[in-house]
Amino acid sequence: KGRFTISRDNAKNTVSLQMNSLKPEDTAVYFCAAARDPYYVPYG
């Protein structure tokens, strides 16, 4: 929080993650995910 910003462009079918002030503990494989159902996230 305060370092990363998520955004989406529905016209281009893209979602982005701007990551600033990166730390060594941010090292990982990053995965994009799409919800199972439209207009609904049953588990949050």
PDB file of all heavy atoms in Angstrom:
ATOM      1  N   LYS A   1       0.838  -1.196   0.000  1.00  0.00           N
ATOM      2  CA  LYS A   1       0.000   0.000   0.000  1.00  0.00           C
ATOM      3  C   LYS A   1       0.876   1.251   0.000  1.00  0.00           C
ATOM      4  O   LYS A   1       1.837   1.358   0.756  1.00  0.00           O
ATOM      5  CB  LYS A   1      -0.906  -0.028   1.228  1.00  0.00           C
ATOM      6  CG  LYS A   1      -2.166   0.782   1.114  1.00  0.00           C
ATOM      7  CD  LYS A   1      -3.099   0.489   2.271  1.00  0.00           C
ATOM      8  CE  LYS A   1      -3.655  -0.911   2.212  1.00  0.00           C
ATOM      9  NZ  LYS A   1      -4.636  -1.179   3.301  1.00  0.00           N
ATOM     10  N   GLY A   2       0.532   2.173  -0.876  1.00  0.00           N
ATOM     11  CA  GLY A   2       1.295   3.402  -0.993  1.00  0.00           C
ATOM     12  C   GLY A   2       2.455   3.318  -1.961  1.00  0.00           C
ATOM     13  O   GLY A   2       3.040   4.346  -2.318  1.00  0.00           O
ATOM     14  N   ARG A   3       2.800   2.123  -2.388  1.00  0.00           N
ATOM     15  CA  ARG A   3       3.916   1.938  -3.328  1.00  0.00           C
ATOM     16  C   ARG A   3       3.441   1.396  -4.673  1.00  0.00           C
ATOM     17  O   ARG A   3       4.024   1.709  -5.712  1.00  0.00           O
ATOM     18  CB  ARG A   3       4.943   0.967  -2.740  1.00  0.00           C
ATOM     19  CG  ARG A   3       5.554   1.426  -1.442  1.00  0.00           C
ATOM     20  CD  ARG A   3       6.704   0.509  -1.012  1.00  0.00           C
ATOM     21  NE  ARG A   3       6.269  -0.858  -0.741  1.00  0.00           N
ATOM     22  CZ  ARG A   3       6.751  -1.929  -1.365  1.00  0.00           C
ATOM     23  NH1 ARG A   3       7.682  -1.793  -2.292  1.00  0.00           N
ATOM     24  NH2 ARG A   3       6.323  -3.133  -1.035  1.00  0.00           N
ATOM     25  N   PHE A   4       2.407   0.569  -4.663  1.00  0.00           N
ATOM     26  CA  PHE A   4       1.895  -0.060  -5.882  1.00  0.00           C
ATOM     27  C   PHE A   4       0.561   0.577  -6.251  1.00  0.00           C
ATOM     28  O   PHE A   4      -0.229   0.959  -5.379  1.00  0.00           O
ATOM     29  CB  PHE A   4       1.687  -1.560  -5.683  1.00  0.00           C
ATOM     30  CG  PHE A   4       2.944  -2.374  -5.537  1.00  0.00           C
ATOM     31  CD1 PHE A   4       4.196  -1.784  -5.362  1.00  0.00           C
ATOM     32  CD2 PHE A   4       2.878  -3.762  -5.565  1.00  0.00           C
ATOM     33  CE1 PHE A   4       5.342  -2.538  -5.233  1.00  0.00           C
ATOM     34  CE2 PHE A   4       4.014  -4.538  -5.434  1.00  0.00           C
ATOM     35  CZ  PHE A   4       5.242  -3.923  -5.257  1.00  0.00           C
ATOM     36  N   THR A   5       0.293   0.633  -7.547  1.00  0.00           N
ATOM     37  CA  THR A   5      -0.985   1.148  -8.041  1.00  0.00           C
ATOM     38  C   THR A   5      -1.504   0.234  -9.145  1.00  0.00           C
ATOM     39  O   THR A   5      -0.803  -0.023 -10.120  1.00  0.00           O
ATOM     40  CB  THR A   5      -0.835   2.571  -8.596  1.00  0.00           C
ATOM     41  OG1 THR A   5      -0.310   3.432  -7.582  1.00  0.00           O
ATOM     42  CG2 THR A   5      -2.194   3.110  -9.042  1.00  0.00           C
ATOM     43  N   ILE A   6      -2.730  -0.230  -8.971  1.00  0.00           N
ATOM     44  CA  ILE A   6      -3.359  -1.079  -9.985  1.00  0.00           C
ATOM     45  C   ILE A   6      -4.293  -0.233 -10.833  1.00  0.00           C
ATOM     46  O   ILE A   6      -4.916   0.714 -10.343  1.00  0.00           O
ATOM     47  CB  ILE A   6      -4.119  -2.251  -9.325  1.00  0.00           C
ATOM     48  CG1 ILE A   6      -4.538  -3.286 -10.363  1.00  0.00           C
ATOM     49  CG2 ILE A   6      -5.311  -1.747  -8.515  1.00  0.00           C
ATOM     50  CD1 ILE A   6      -5.095  -4.578  -9.750  1.00  0.00           C
ATOM     51  N   SER A   7      -4.375  -0.576 -12.104  1.00  0.00           N
ATOM     52  CA  SER A   7      -5.289   0.122 -13.003  1.00  0.00           C
ATOM     53  C   SER A   7      -5.722  -0.849 -14.093  1.00  0.00           C
ATOM     54  O   SER A   7      -5.111  -1.901 -14.281  1.00  0.00           O
ATOM     55  CB  SER A   7      -4.609   1.349 -13.616  1.00  0.00           C
ATOM     56  OG  SER A   7      -3.461   0.977 -14.365  1.00  0.00           O
ATOM     57  N   ARG A   8      -6.773  -0.481 -14.788  1.00  0.00           N
ATOM     58  CA  ARG A   8      -7.240  -1.321 -15.894  1.00  0.00           C
ATOM     59  C   ARG A   8      -7.742  -0.445 -17.024  1.00  0.00           C
ATOM     60  O   ARG A   8      -8.214   0.673 -16.801  1.00  0.00           O
ATOM     61  CB  ARG A   8      -8.321  -2.298 -15.437  1.00  0.00           C
ATOM     62  CG  ARG A   8      -9.641  -1.665 -15.030  1.00  0.00           C
ATOM     63  CD  ARG A   8     -10.570  -2.701 -14.427  1.00  0.00           C
ATOM     64  NE  ARG A   8     -10.967  -3.727 -15.394  1.00  0.00           N
ATOM     65  CZ  ARG A   8     -11.478  -4.907 -15.053  1.00  0.00           C
ATOM     66  NH1 ARG A   8     -11.631  -5.217 -13.766  1.00  0.00           N
ATOM     67  NH2 ARG A   8     -11.844  -5.769 -15.980  1.00  0.00           N
ATOM     68  N   ASP A   9      -7.642  -0.975 -18.226  1.00  0.00           N
ATOM     69  CA  ASP A   9      -8.158  -0.322 -19.419  1.00  0.00           C
ATOM     70  C   ASP A   9      -9.085  -1.315 -20.095  1.00  0.00           C
ATOM     71  O   ASP A   9      -8.623  -2.232 -20.782  1.00  0.00           O
ATOM     72  CB  ASP A   9      -7.006   0.092 -20.336  1.00  0.00           C
ATOM     73  CG  ASP A   9      -7.474   0.910 -21.525  1.00  0.00           C
ATOM     74  OD1 ASP A   9      -8.646   0.785 -21.910  1.00  0.00           O
ATOM     75  OD2 ASP A   9      -6.660   1.661 -22.070  1.00  0.00           O
ATOM     76  N   ASN A  10     -10.366  -1.165 -19.876  1.00  0.00           N
ATOM     77  CA  ASN A  10     -11.320  -2.129 -20.424  1.00  0.00           C
ATOM     78  C   ASN A  10     -11.392  -2.076 -21.952  1.00  0.00           C
ATOM     79  O   ASN A  10     -11.773  -3.062 -22.586  1.00  0.00           O
ATOM     80  CB  ASN A  10     -12.693  -1.908 -19.814  1.00  0.00           C
ATOM     81  CG  ASN A  10     -12.766  -2.381 -18.371  1.00  0.00           C
ATOM     82  OD1 ASN A  10     -11.944  -3.193 -17.925  1.00  0.00           O
ATOM     83  ND2 ASN A  10     -13.735  -1.879 -17.631  1.00  0.00           N
ATOM     84  N   ALA A  11     -11.049  -0.966 -22.532  1.00  0.00           N
ATOM     85  CA  ALA A  11     -11.045  -0.864 -23.994  1.00  0.00           C
ATOM     86  C   ALA A  11      -9.904  -1.674 -24.595  1.00  0.00           C
ATOM     87  O   ALA A  11     -10.016  -2.175 -25.727  1.00  0.00           O
ATOM     88  CB  ALA A  11     -10.939   0.590 -24.411  1.00  0.00           C
ATOM     89  N   LYS A  12      -8.817  -1.811 -23.854  1.00  0.00           N
ATOM     90  CA  LYS A  12      -7.647  -2.540 -24.354  1.00  0.00           C
ATOM     91  C   LYS A  12      -7.507  -3.924 -23.722  1.00  0.00           C
ATOM     92  O   LYS A  12      -6.554  -4.644 -24.004  1.00  0.00           O
ATOM     93  CB  LYS A  12      -6.379  -1.731 -24.094  1.00  0.00           C
ATOM     94  CG  LYS A  12      -6.329  -0.409 -24.847  1.00  0.00           C
ATOM     95  CD  LYS A  12      -5.023   0.313 -24.597  1.00  0.00           C
ATOM     96  CE  LYS A  12      -4.956   1.616 -25.392  1.00  0.00           C
ATOM     97  NZ  LYS A  12      -3.694   2.349 -25.144  1.00  0.00           N
ATOM     98  N   ASN A  13      -8.436  -4.289 -22.832  1.00  0.00           N
ATOM     99  CA  ASN A  13      -8.396  -5.591 -22.161  1.00  0.00           C
ATOM    100  C   ASN A  13      -7.080  -5.804 -21.413  1.00  0.00           C
ATOM    101  O   ASN A  13      -6.460  -6.882 -21.504  1.00  0.00           O
ATOM    102  CB  ASN A  13      -8.612  -6.729 -23.152  1.00  0.00           C
ATOM    103  CG  ASN A  13     -10.039  -6.804 -23.645  1.00  0.00           C
ATOM    104  OD1 ASN A  13     -10.885  -6.002 -23.248  1.00  0.00           O
ATOM    105  ND2 ASN A  13     -10.312  -7.743 -24.521  1.00  0.00           N
ATOM    106  N   THR A  14      -6.658  -4.786 -20.704  1.00  0.00           N
ATOM    107  CA  THR A  14      -5.410  -4.893 -19.961  1.00  0.00           C
ATOM    108  C   THR A  14      -5.589  -4.422 -18.516  1.00  0.00           C
ATOM    109  O   THR A  14      -6.427  -3.569 -18.216  1.00  0.00           O
ATOM    110  CB  THR A  14      -4.283  -4.068 -20.596  1.00  0.00           C
ATOM    111  OG1 THR A  14      -4.686  -2.695 -20.644  1.00  0.00           O
ATOM    112  CG2 THR A  14      -3.968  -4.559 -22.002  1.00  0.00           C
ATOM    113  N   VAL A  15      -4.786  -4.999 -17.649  1.00  0.00           N
ATOM    114  CA  VAL A  15      -4.686  -4.540 -16.275  1.00  0.00           C
ATOM    115  C   VAL A  15      -3.205  -4.369 -15.972  1.00  0.00           C
ATOM    116  O   VAL A  15      -2.374  -5.164 -16.433  1.00  0.00           O
ATOM    117  CB  VAL A  15      -5.364  -5.521 -15.296  1.00  0.00           C
ATOM    118  CG1 VAL A  15      -4.733  -6.893 -15.346  1.00  0.00           C
ATOM    119  CG2 VAL A  15      -5.354  -4.964 -13.881  1.00  0.00           C
ATOM    120  N   SER A  16      -2.873  -3.328 -15.242  1.00  0.00           N
ATOM    121  CA  SER A  16      -1.474  -3.001 -14.983  1.00  0.00           C
ATOM    122  C   SER A  16      -1.222  -2.841 -13.492  1.00  0.00           C
ATOM    123  O   SER A  16      -2.142  -2.560 -12.720  1.00  0.00           O
ATOM    124  CB  SER A  16      -1.096  -1.705 -15.703  1.00  0.00           C
ATOM    125  OG  SER A  16      -1.231  -1.848 -17.097  1.00  0.00           O
ATOM    126  N   LEU A  17       0.036  -3.025 -13.140  1.00  0.00           N
ATOM    127  CA  LEU A  17       0.462  -2.823 -11.765  1.00  0.00           C
ATOM    128  C   LEU A  17       1.732  -1.988 -11.785  1.00  0.00           C
ATOM    129  O   LEU A  17       2.782  -2.473 -12.210  1.00  0.00           O
ATOM    130  CB  LEU A  17       0.709  -4.160 -11.067  1.00  0.00           C
ATOM    131  CG  LEU A  17       1.019  -4.074  -9.575  1.00  0.00           C
ATOM    132  CD1 LEU A  17      -0.224  -3.619  -8.801  1.00  0.00           C
ATOM    133  CD2 LEU A  17       1.508  -5.417  -9.040  1.00  0.00           C
ATOM    134  N   GLN A  18       1.619  -0.749 -11.376  1.00  0.00           N
ATOM    135  CA  GLN A  18       2.778   0.126 -11.262  1.00  0.00           C
ATOM    136  C   GLN A  18       3.395  -0.079  -9.893  1.00  0.00           C
ATOM    137  O   GLN A  18       2.718   0.096  -8.873  1.00  0.00           O
ATOM    138  CB  GLN A  18       2.364   1.592 -11.445  1.00  0.00           C
ATOM    139  CG  GLN A  18       3.495   2.580 -11.289  1.00  0.00           C
ATOM    140  CD  GLN A  18       4.536   2.460 -12.378  1.00  0.00           C
ATOM    141  OE1 GLN A  18       4.206   2.270 -13.547  1.00  0.00           O
ATOM    142  NE2 GLN A  18       5.810   2.540 -12.006  1.00  0.00           N
ATOM    143  N   MET A  19       4.666  -0.466  -9.896  1.00  0.00           N
ATOM    144  CA  MET A  19       5.344  -0.780  -8.647  1.00  0.00           C
ATOM    145  C   MET A  19       6.494   0.197  -8.445  1.00  0.00           C
ATOM    146  O   MET A  19       7.437   0.229  -9.240  1.00  0.00           O
ATOM    147  CB  MET A  19       5.867  -2.220  -8.684  1.00  0.00           C
ATOM    148  CG  MET A  19       4.796  -3.236  -9.010  1.00  0.00           C
ATOM    149  SD  MET A  19       5.364  -4.945  -8.857  1.00  0.00           S
ATOM    150  CE  MET A  19       6.621  -4.987 -10.113  1.00  0.00           C
ATOM    151  N   ASN A  20       6.403   1.008  -7.414  1.00  0.00           N
ATOM    152  CA  ASN A  20       7.430   1.994  -7.085  1.00  0.00           C
ATOM    153  C   ASN A  20       8.084   1.650  -5.751  1.00  0.00           C
ATOM    154  O   ASN A  20       7.555   0.858  -4.975  1.00  0.00           O
ATOM    155  CB  ASN A  20       6.811   3.390  -7.014  1.00  0.00           C
ATOM    156  CG  ASN A  20       6.199   3.832  -8.336  1.00  0.00           C
ATOM    157  OD1 ASN A  20       6.660   3.447  -9.412  1.00  0.00           O
ATOM    158  ND2 ASN A  20       5.155   4.650  -8.253  1.00  0.00           N
ATOM    159  N   SER A  21       9.217   2.253  -5.520  1.00  0.00           N
ATOM    160  CA  SER A  21       9.940   2.058  -4.255  1.00  0.00           C
ATOM    161  C   SER A  21      10.093   0.578  -3.931  1.00  0.00           C
ATOM    162  O   SER A  21       9.819   0.130  -2.808  1.00  0.00           O
ATOM    163  CB  SER A  21       9.218   2.776  -3.110  1.00  0.00           C
ATOM    164  OG  SER A  21       9.094   4.157  -3.385  1.00  0.00           O
ATOM    165  N   LEU A  22      10.526  -0.169  -4.905  1.00  0.00           N
ATOM    166  CA  LEU A  22      10.610  -1.621  -4.745  1.00  0.00           C
ATOM    167  C   LEU A  22      11.634  -2.007  -3.690  1.00  0.00           C
ATOM    168  O   LEU A  22      12.678  -1.340  -3.521  1.00  0.00           O
ATOM    169  CB  LEU A  22      10.931  -2.276  -6.085  1.00  0.00           C
ATOM    170  CG  LEU A  22       9.726  -2.376  -7.027  1.00  0.00           C
ATOM    171  CD1 LEU A  22      10.180  -2.596  -8.468  1.00  0.00           C
ATOM    172  CD2 LEU A  22       8.800  -3.487  -6.580  1.00  0.00           C
ATOM    173  N   LYS A  23      11.327  -3.089  -3.007  1.00  0.00           N
ATOM    174  CA  LYS A  23      12.178  -3.616  -1.938  1.00  0.00           C
ATOM    175  C   LYS A  23      12.602  -5.044  -2.293  1.00  0.00           C
ATOM    176  O   LYS A  23      11.881  -5.731  -3.033  1.00  0.00           O
ATOM    177  CB  LYS A  23      11.403  -3.618  -0.622  1.00  0.00           C
ATOM    178  CG  LYS A  23      10.838  -2.267  -0.218  1.00  0.00           C
ATOM    179  CD  LYS A  23       9.988  -2.398   1.043  1.00  0.00           C
ATOM    180  CE  LYS A  23       9.387  -1.077   1.463  1.00  0.00           C
ATOM    181  NZ  LYS A  23       8.557  -1.208   2.691  1.00  0.00           N
ATOM    182  N   PRO A  24      13.708  -5.506  -1.736  1.00  0.00           N
ATOM    183  CA  PRO A  24      14.101  -6.899  -1.991  1.00  0.00           C
ATOM    184  C   PRO A  24      13.003  -7.903  -1.638  1.00  0.00           C
ATOM    185  O   PRO A  24      12.880  -8.936  -2.316  1.00  0.00           O
ATOM    186  CB  PRO A  24      15.331  -7.072  -1.106  1.00  0.00           C
ATOM    187  CG  PRO A  24      15.918  -5.699  -1.019  1.00  0.00           C
ATOM    188  CD  PRO A  24      14.743  -4.773  -0.987  1.00  0.00           C
ATOM    189  N   GLU A  25      12.211  -7.612  -0.643  1.00  0.00           N
ATOM    190  CA  GLU A  25      11.137  -8.531  -0.260  1.00  0.00           C
ATOM    191  C   GLU A  25       9.981  -8.562  -1.253  1.00  0.00           C
ATOM    192  O   GLU A  25       9.075  -9.382  -1.124  1.00  0.00           O
ATOM    193  CB  GLU A  25      10.608  -8.205   1.139  1.00  0.00           C
ATOM    194  CG  GLU A  25      10.242  -6.753   1.354  1.00  0.00           C
ATOM    195  CD  GLU A  25      11.358  -5.970   2.022  1.00  0.00           C
ATOM    196  OE1 GLU A  25      12.543  -6.123   1.623  1.00  0.00           O
ATOM    197  OE2 GLU A  25      11.049  -5.168   2.937  1.00  0.00           O
ATOM    198  N   ASP A  26      10.006  -7.697  -2.245  1.00  0.00           N
ATOM    199  CA  ASP A  26       9.015  -7.757  -3.328  1.00  0.00           C
ATOM    200  C   ASP A  26       9.403  -8.782  -4.395  1.00  0.00           C
ATOM    201  O   ASP A  26       8.618  -9.039  -5.319  1.00  0.00           O
ATOM    202  CB  ASP A  26       8.866  -6.390  -3.999  1.00  0.00           C
ATOM    203  CG  ASP A  26       8.277  -5.336  -3.072  1.00  0.00           C
ATOM    204  OD1 ASP A  26       7.341  -5.664  -2.319  1.00  0.00           O
ATOM    205  OD2 ASP A  26       8.768  -4.187  -3.110  1.00  0.00           O
ATOM    206  N   THR A  27      10.578  -9.350  -4.277  1.00  0.00           N
ATOM    207  CA  THR A  27      11.036 -10.352  -5.236  1.00  0.00           C
ATOM    208  C   THR A  27      10.113 -11.561  -5.224  1.00  0.00           C
ATOM    209  O   THR A  27       9.862 -12.158  -4.175  1.00  0.00           O
ATOM    210  CB  THR A  27      12.468 -10.788  -4.908  1.00  0.00           C
ATOM    211  OG1 THR A  27      13.343  -9.666  -5.078  1.00  0.00           O
ATOM    212  CG2 THR A  27      12.916 -11.920  -5.812  1.00  0.00           C
ATOM    213  N   ALA A  28       9.579 -11.893  -6.396  1.00  0.00           N
ATOM    214  CA  ALA A  28       8.624 -13.001  -6.514  1.00  0.00           C
ATOM    215  C   ALA A  28       8.225 -13.146  -7.972  1.00  0.00           C
ATOM    216  O   ALA A  28       8.545 -12.294  -8.807  1.00  0.00           O
ATOM    217  CB  ALA A  28       7.379 -12.728  -5.666  1.00  0.00           C
ATOM    218  N   VAL A  29       7.512 -14.211  -8.247  1.00  0.00           N
ATOM    219  CA  VAL A  29       6.813 -14.326  -9.519  1.00  0.00           C
ATOM    220  C   VAL A  29       5.438 -13.706  -9.330  1.00  0.00           C
ATOM    221  O   VAL A  29       4.722 -14.048  -8.385  1.00  0.00           O
ATOM    222  CB  VAL A  29       6.682 -15.794  -9.965  1.00  0.00           C
ATOM    223  CG1 VAL A  29       5.902 -15.881 -11.272  1.00  0.00           C
ATOM    224  CG2 VAL A  29       8.058 -16.427 -10.119  1.00  0.00           C
ATOM    225  N   TYR A  30       5.095 -12.798 -10.214  1.00  0.00           N
ATOM    226  CA  TYR A  30       3.828 -12.082 -10.123  1.00  0.00           C
ATOM    227  C   TYR A  30       2.845 -12.662 -11.136  1.00  0.00           C
ATOM    228  O   TYR A  30       3.165 -12.810 -12.317  1.00  0.00           O
ATOM    229  CB  TYR A  30       4.042 -10.594 -10.384  1.00  0.00           C
ATOM    230  CG  TYR A  30       4.640  -9.888  -9.196  1.00  0.00           C
ATOM    231  CD1 TYR A  30       5.961 -10.132  -8.822  1.00  0.00           C
ATOM    232  CD2 TYR A  30       3.895  -9.010  -8.421  1.00  0.00           C
ATOM    233  CE1 TYR A  30       6.517  -9.508  -7.709  1.00  0.00           C
ATOM    234  CE2 TYR A  30       4.435  -8.374  -7.310  1.00  0.00           C
ATOM    235  CZ  TYR A  30       5.746  -8.634  -6.961  1.00  0.00           C
ATOM    236  OH  TYR A  30       6.291  -8.020  -5.865  1.00  0.00           O
ATOM    237  N   PHE A  31       1.646 -12.950 -10.634  1.00  0.00           N
ATOM    238  CA  PHE A  31       0.608 -13.571 -11.449  1.00  0.00           C
ATOM    239  C   PHE A  31      -0.598 -12.648 -11.581  1.00  0.00           C
ATOM    240  O   PHE A  31      -1.050 -12.055 -10.601  1.00  0.00           O
ATOM    241  CB  PHE A  31       0.135 -14.878 -10.811  1.00  0.00           C
ATOM    242  CG  PHE A  31       1.187 -15.934 -10.720  1.00  0.00           C
ATOM    243  CD1 PHE A  31       2.011 -16.031  -9.603  1.00  0.00           C
ATOM    244  CD2 PHE A  31       1.354 -16.861 -11.744  1.00  0.00           C
ATOM    245  CE1 PHE A  31       2.980 -17.006  -9.509  1.00  0.00           C
ATOM    246  CE2 PHE A  31       2.324 -17.847 -11.658  1.00  0.00           C
ATOM    247  CZ  PHE A  31       3.138 -17.922 -10.535  1.00  0.00           C
ATOM    248  N   CYS A  32      -1.108 -12.586 -12.771  1.00  0.00           N
ATOM    249  CA  CYS A  32      -2.360 -11.896 -13.047  1.00  0.00           C
ATOM    250  C   CYS A  32      -3.489 -12.923 -12.932  1.00  0.00           C
ATOM    251  O   CYS A  32      -3.317 -14.083 -13.321  1.00  0.00           O
ATOM    252  CB  CYS A  32      -2.291 -11.321 -14.469  1.00  0.00           C
ATOM    253  SG  CYS A  32      -3.784 -10.562 -15.075  1.00  0.00           S
ATOM    254  N   ALA A  33      -4.642 -12.480 -12.419  1.00  0.00           N
ATOM    255  CA  ALA A  33      -5.760 -13.397 -12.248  1.00  0.00           C
ATOM    256  C   ALA A  33      -7.070 -12.701 -12.598  1.00  0.00           C
ATOM    257  O   ALA A  33      -7.236 -11.505 -12.323  1.00  0.00           O
ATOM    258  CB  ALA A  33      -5.816 -13.909 -10.813  1.00  0.00           C
ATOM    259  N   ALA A  34      -7.979 -13.471 -13.173  1.00  0.00           N
ATOM    260  CA  ALA A  34      -9.307 -12.963 -13.507  1.00  0.00           C
ATOM    261  C   ALA A  34     -10.354 -13.697 -12.672  1.00  0.00           C
ATOM    262  O   ALA A  34     -10.254 -14.913 -12.468  1.00  0.00           O
ATOM    263  CB  ALA A  34      -9.597 -13.166 -14.994  1.00  0.00           C
ATOM    264  N   ALA A  35     -11.338 -12.962 -12.201  1.00  0.00           N
ATOM    265  CA  ALA A  35     -12.381 -13.552 -11.374  1.00  0.00           C
ATOM    266  C   ALA A  35     -13.124 -14.651 -12.129  1.00  0.00           C
ATOM    267  O   ALA A  35     -13.225 -14.639 -13.342  1.00  0.00           O
ATOM    268  CB  ALA A  35     -13.356 -12.473 -10.920  1.00  0.00           C
ATOM    269  N   ARG A  36     -13.663 -15.581 -11.363  1.00  0.00           N
ATOM    270  CA  ARG A  36     -14.405 -16.694 -11.954  1.00  0.00           C
ATOM    271  C   ARG A  36     -15.696 -16.229 -12.606  1.00  0.00           C
ATOM    272  O   ARG A  36     -16.104 -16.757 -13.634  1.00  0.00           O
ATOM    273  CB  ARG A  36     -14.769 -17.713 -10.867  1.00  0.00           C
ATOM    274  CG  ARG A  36     -13.614 -18.405 -10.232  1.00  0.00           C
ATOM    275  CD  ARG A  36     -14.100 -19.387  -9.179  1.00  0.00           C
ATOM    276  NE  ARG A  36     -12.998 -20.024  -8.508  1.00  0.00           N
ATOM    277  CZ  ARG A  36     -12.374 -21.102  -8.950  1.00  0.00           C
ATOM    278  NH1 ARG A  36     -12.767 -21.675 -10.067  1.00  0.00           N
ATOM    279  NH2 ARG A  36     -11.374 -21.618  -8.271  1.00  0.00           N
ATOM    280  N   ASP A  37     -16.360 -15.278 -11.972  1.00  0.00           N
ATOM    281  CA  ASP A  37     -17.701 -14.888 -12.387  1.00  0.00           C
ATOM    282  C   ASP A  37     -17.761 -13.387 -12.663  1.00  0.00           C
ATOM    283  O   ASP A  37     -17.058 -12.615 -12.024  1.00  0.00           O
ATOM    284  CB  ASP A  37     -18.707 -15.227 -11.288  1.00  0.00           C
ATOM    285  CG  ASP A  37     -18.681 -16.690 -10.923  1.00  0.00           C
ATOM    286  OD1 ASP A  37     -18.952 -17.524 -11.815  1.00  0.00           O
ATOM    287  OD2 ASP A  37     -18.365 -17.009  -9.763  1.00  0.00           O
ATOM    288  N   PRO A  38     -18.620 -12.999 -13.573  1.00  0.00           N
ATOM    289  CA  PRO A  38     -18.775 -11.567 -13.846  1.00  0.00           C
ATOM    290  C   PRO A  38     -19.527 -10.857 -12.723  1.00  0.00           C
ATOM    291  O   PRO A  38     -20.465 -11.412 -12.150  1.00  0.00           O
ATOM    292  CB  PRO A  38     -19.569 -11.556 -15.158  1.00  0.00           C
ATOM    293  CG  PRO A  38     -20.329 -12.835 -15.137  1.00  0.00           C
ATOM    294  CD  PRO A  38     -19.459 -13.835 -14.444  1.00  0.00           C
ATOM    295  N   TYR A  39     -19.078  -9.671 -12.419  1.00  0.00           N
ATOM    296  CA  TYR A  39     -19.741  -8.790 -11.441  1.00  0.00           C
ATOM    297  C   TYR A  39     -19.928  -9.459 -10.084  1.00  0.00           C
ATOM    298  O   TYR A  39     -20.898  -9.179  -9.365  1.00  0.00           O
ATOM    299  CB  TYR A  39     -21.107  -8.336 -11.984  1.00  0.00           C
ATOM    300  CG  TYR A  39     -21.026  -7.748 -13.364  1.00  0.00           C
ATOM    301  CD1 TYR A  39     -21.518  -8.442 -14.470  1.00  0.00           C
ATOM    302  CD2 TYR A  39     -20.428  -6.517 -13.595  1.00  0.00           C
ATOM    303  CE1 TYR A  39     -21.429  -7.921 -15.743  1.00  0.00           C
ATOM    304  CE2 TYR A  39     -20.329  -5.981 -14.867  1.00  0.00           C
ATOM    305  CZ  TYR A  39     -20.839  -6.687 -15.932  1.00  0.00           C
ATOM    306  OH  TYR A  39     -20.734  -6.172 -17.196  1.00  0.00           O
ATOM    307  N   TYR A  40     -18.997 -10.345  -9.719  1.00  0.00           N
ATOM    308  CA  TYR A  40     -19.193 -11.103  -8.490  1.00  0.00           C
ATOM    309  C   TYR A  40     -17.866 -11.682  -8.025  1.00  0.00           C
ATOM    310  O   TYR A  40     -17.125 -12.276  -8.815  1.00  0.00           O
ATOM    311  CB  TYR A  40     -20.194 -12.228  -8.759  1.00  0.00           C
ATOM    312  CG  TYR A  40     -20.615 -13.023  -7.550  1.00  0.00           C
ATOM    313  CD1 TYR A  40     -21.066 -12.406  -6.392  1.00  0.00           C
ATOM    314  CD2 TYR A  40     -20.585 -14.415  -7.583  1.00  0.00           C
ATOM    315  CE1 TYR A  40     -21.472 -13.151  -5.296  1.00  0.00           C
ATOM    316  CE2 TYR A  40     -20.990 -15.159  -6.492  1.00  0.00           C
ATOM    317  CZ  TYR A  40     -21.447 -14.517  -5.358  1.00  0.00           C
ATOM    318  OH  TYR A  40     -21.855 -15.252  -4.272  1.00  0.00           O
ATOM    319  N   VAL A  41     -17.549 -11.506  -6.775  1.00  0.00           N
ATOM    320  CA  VAL A  41     -16.375 -12.123  -6.177  1.00  0.00           C
ATOM    321  C   VAL A  41     -16.825 -12.769  -4.878  1.00  0.00           C
ATOM    322  O   VAL A  41     -16.776 -12.136  -3.818  1.00  0.00           O
ATOM    323  CB  VAL A  41     -15.228 -11.118  -5.949  1.00  0.00           C
ATOM    324  CG1 VAL A  41     -14.451 -10.875  -7.215  1.00  0.00           C
ATOM    325  CG2 VAL A  41     -15.765  -9.798  -5.400  1.00  0.00           C
ATOM    326  N   PRO A  42     -17.254 -14.019  -4.928  1.00  0.00           N
ATOM    327  CA  PRO A  42     -17.917 -14.640  -3.781  1.00  0.00           C
ATOM    328  C   PRO A  42     -17.056 -14.741  -2.533  1.00  0.00           C
ATOM    329  O   PRO A  42     -17.589 -14.774  -1.418  1.00  0.00           O
ATOM    330  CB  PRO A  42     -18.293 -16.024  -4.307  1.00  0.00           C
ATOM    331  CG  PRO A  42     -17.368 -16.273  -5.439  1.00  0.00           C
ATOM    332  CD  PRO A  42     -17.122 -14.935  -6.059  1.00  0.00           C
ATOM    333  N   TYR A  43     -15.758 -14.790  -2.688  1.00  0.00           N
ATOM    334  CA  TYR A  43     -14.877 -14.943  -1.534  1.00  0.00           C
ATOM    335  C   TYR A  43     -14.108 -13.662  -1.231  1.00  0.00           C
ATOM    336  O   TYR A  43     -13.173 -13.658  -0.441  1.00  0.00           O
ATOM    337  CB  TYR A  43     -13.913 -16.100  -1.768  1.00  0.00           C
ATOM    338  CG  TYR A  43     -14.619 -17.389  -2.120  1.00  0.00           C
ATOM    339  CD1 TYR A  43     -14.648 -17.848  -3.427  1.00  0.00           C
ATOM    340  CD2 TYR A  43     -15.265 -18.129  -1.146  1.00  0.00           C
ATOM    341  CE1 TYR A  43     -15.304 -19.020  -3.752  1.00  0.00           C
ATOM    342  CE2 TYR A  43     -15.920 -19.301  -1.464  1.00  0.00           C
ATOM    343  CZ  TYR A  43     -15.940 -19.742  -2.764  1.00  0.00           C
ATOM    344  OH  TYR A  43     -16.594 -20.893  -3.090  1.00  0.00           O
ATOM    345  N   GLY A  44     -14.500 -12.595  -1.886  1.00  0.00           N
ATOM    346  CA  GLY A  44     -13.803 -11.332  -1.676  1.00  0.00           C
ATOM    347  C   GLY A  44     -12.670 -11.153  -2.652  1.00  0.00           C
ATOM    348  O   GLY A  44     -12.180 -12.113  -3.256  1.00  0.00           O
TER     349      GLY A  44
END
